[in-house]
């Protein structure tokens, strides 16, 4: 996996960025996730857990 910082937009002289996590296709397929799936992030100390959001 890879963490990337991407330029999002510029408003006047202020630049805004967003962070993107690149997850390998094999892991997405293994989880059965599809494009557009709502996810939630949970942090605990130095750990990030990303899981499918329950509606």
Protein backbone atom coordinates (compact mmCIF):
# COMPACT_ATOMS: atom_id res chain seq x y z
CA UNK A 1 0.00 0.00 0.00
CA UNK A 2 1.04 3.57 -0.50
CA UNK A 3 0.11 6.93 1.03
CA UNK A 4 0.04 9.86 -1.41
CA UNK A 5 -0.60 13.57 -1.01
CA UNK A 6 -2.51 15.05 -3.94
CA UNK A 7 -3.18 18.66 -4.83
CA UNK A 8 -6.93 19.25 -4.57
CA UNK A 9 -7.59 22.91 -5.37
CA UNK A 10 -6.35 26.48 -5.04
CA UNK A 11 -8.48 29.30 -3.65
CA UNK A 12 -6.82 32.68 -4.04
CA UNK A 13 -3.30 32.12 -2.64
CA UNK A 14 -4.20 29.10 -0.48
CA UNK A 15 -3.48 25.56 -1.76
CA UNK A 16 -5.48 22.59 -0.48
CA UNK A 17 -4.36 18.96 -0.57
CA UNK A 18 -5.94 15.60 0.21
CA UNK A 19 -4.42 12.30 1.27
CA UNK A 20 -5.06 9.11 -0.70
CA UNK A 21 -4.28 5.52 0.30
CA UNK A 22 -3.54 3.22 -2.62
CA UNK A 23 -4.85 -0.30 -1.88
CA UNK A 24 -3.78 -3.14 -4.19
CA UNK A 25 -6.50 -4.61 -6.43
CA UNK A 26 -5.94 -8.06 -4.91
CA UNK A 27 -6.87 -6.78 -1.43
CA UNK A 28 -10.00 -5.01 -2.72
CA UNK A 29 -11.06 -8.20 -4.52
CA UNK A 30 -10.33 -10.32 -1.43
CA UNK A 31 -12.59 -8.05 0.66
CA UNK A 32 -15.34 -8.04 -1.96
CA UNK A 33 -15.36 -4.22 -2.05
CA UNK A 34 -16.74 -2.30 -5.04
CA UNK A 35 -16.22 1.25 -6.29
CA UNK A 36 -18.33 3.79 -4.41
CA UNK A 37 -18.55 1.71 -1.22
CA UNK A 38 -18.94 3.85 1.93
CA UNK A 39 -16.04 3.27 4.32
CA UNK A 40 -15.26 4.45 7.84
CA UNK A 41 -11.90 5.01 9.51
CA UNK A 42 -11.11 4.20 13.13
CA UNK A 43 -7.87 5.29 14.78
CA UNK A 44 -6.33 3.78 17.88
CA UNK A 45 -2.90 5.11 18.87
CA UNK A 46 -0.75 4.56 15.74
CA UNK A 47 -3.19 2.20 14.01
CA UNK A 48 -5.71 3.02 11.29
CA UNK A 49 -8.58 0.57 10.65
CA UNK A 50 -10.63 1.04 7.48
CA UNK A 51 -13.87 -0.92 7.27
CA UNK A 52 -17.14 -1.03 5.40
CA UNK A 53 -19.65 1.40 6.90
CA UNK A 54 -22.78 -0.25 8.31
CA UNK A 55 -25.91 1.60 7.23
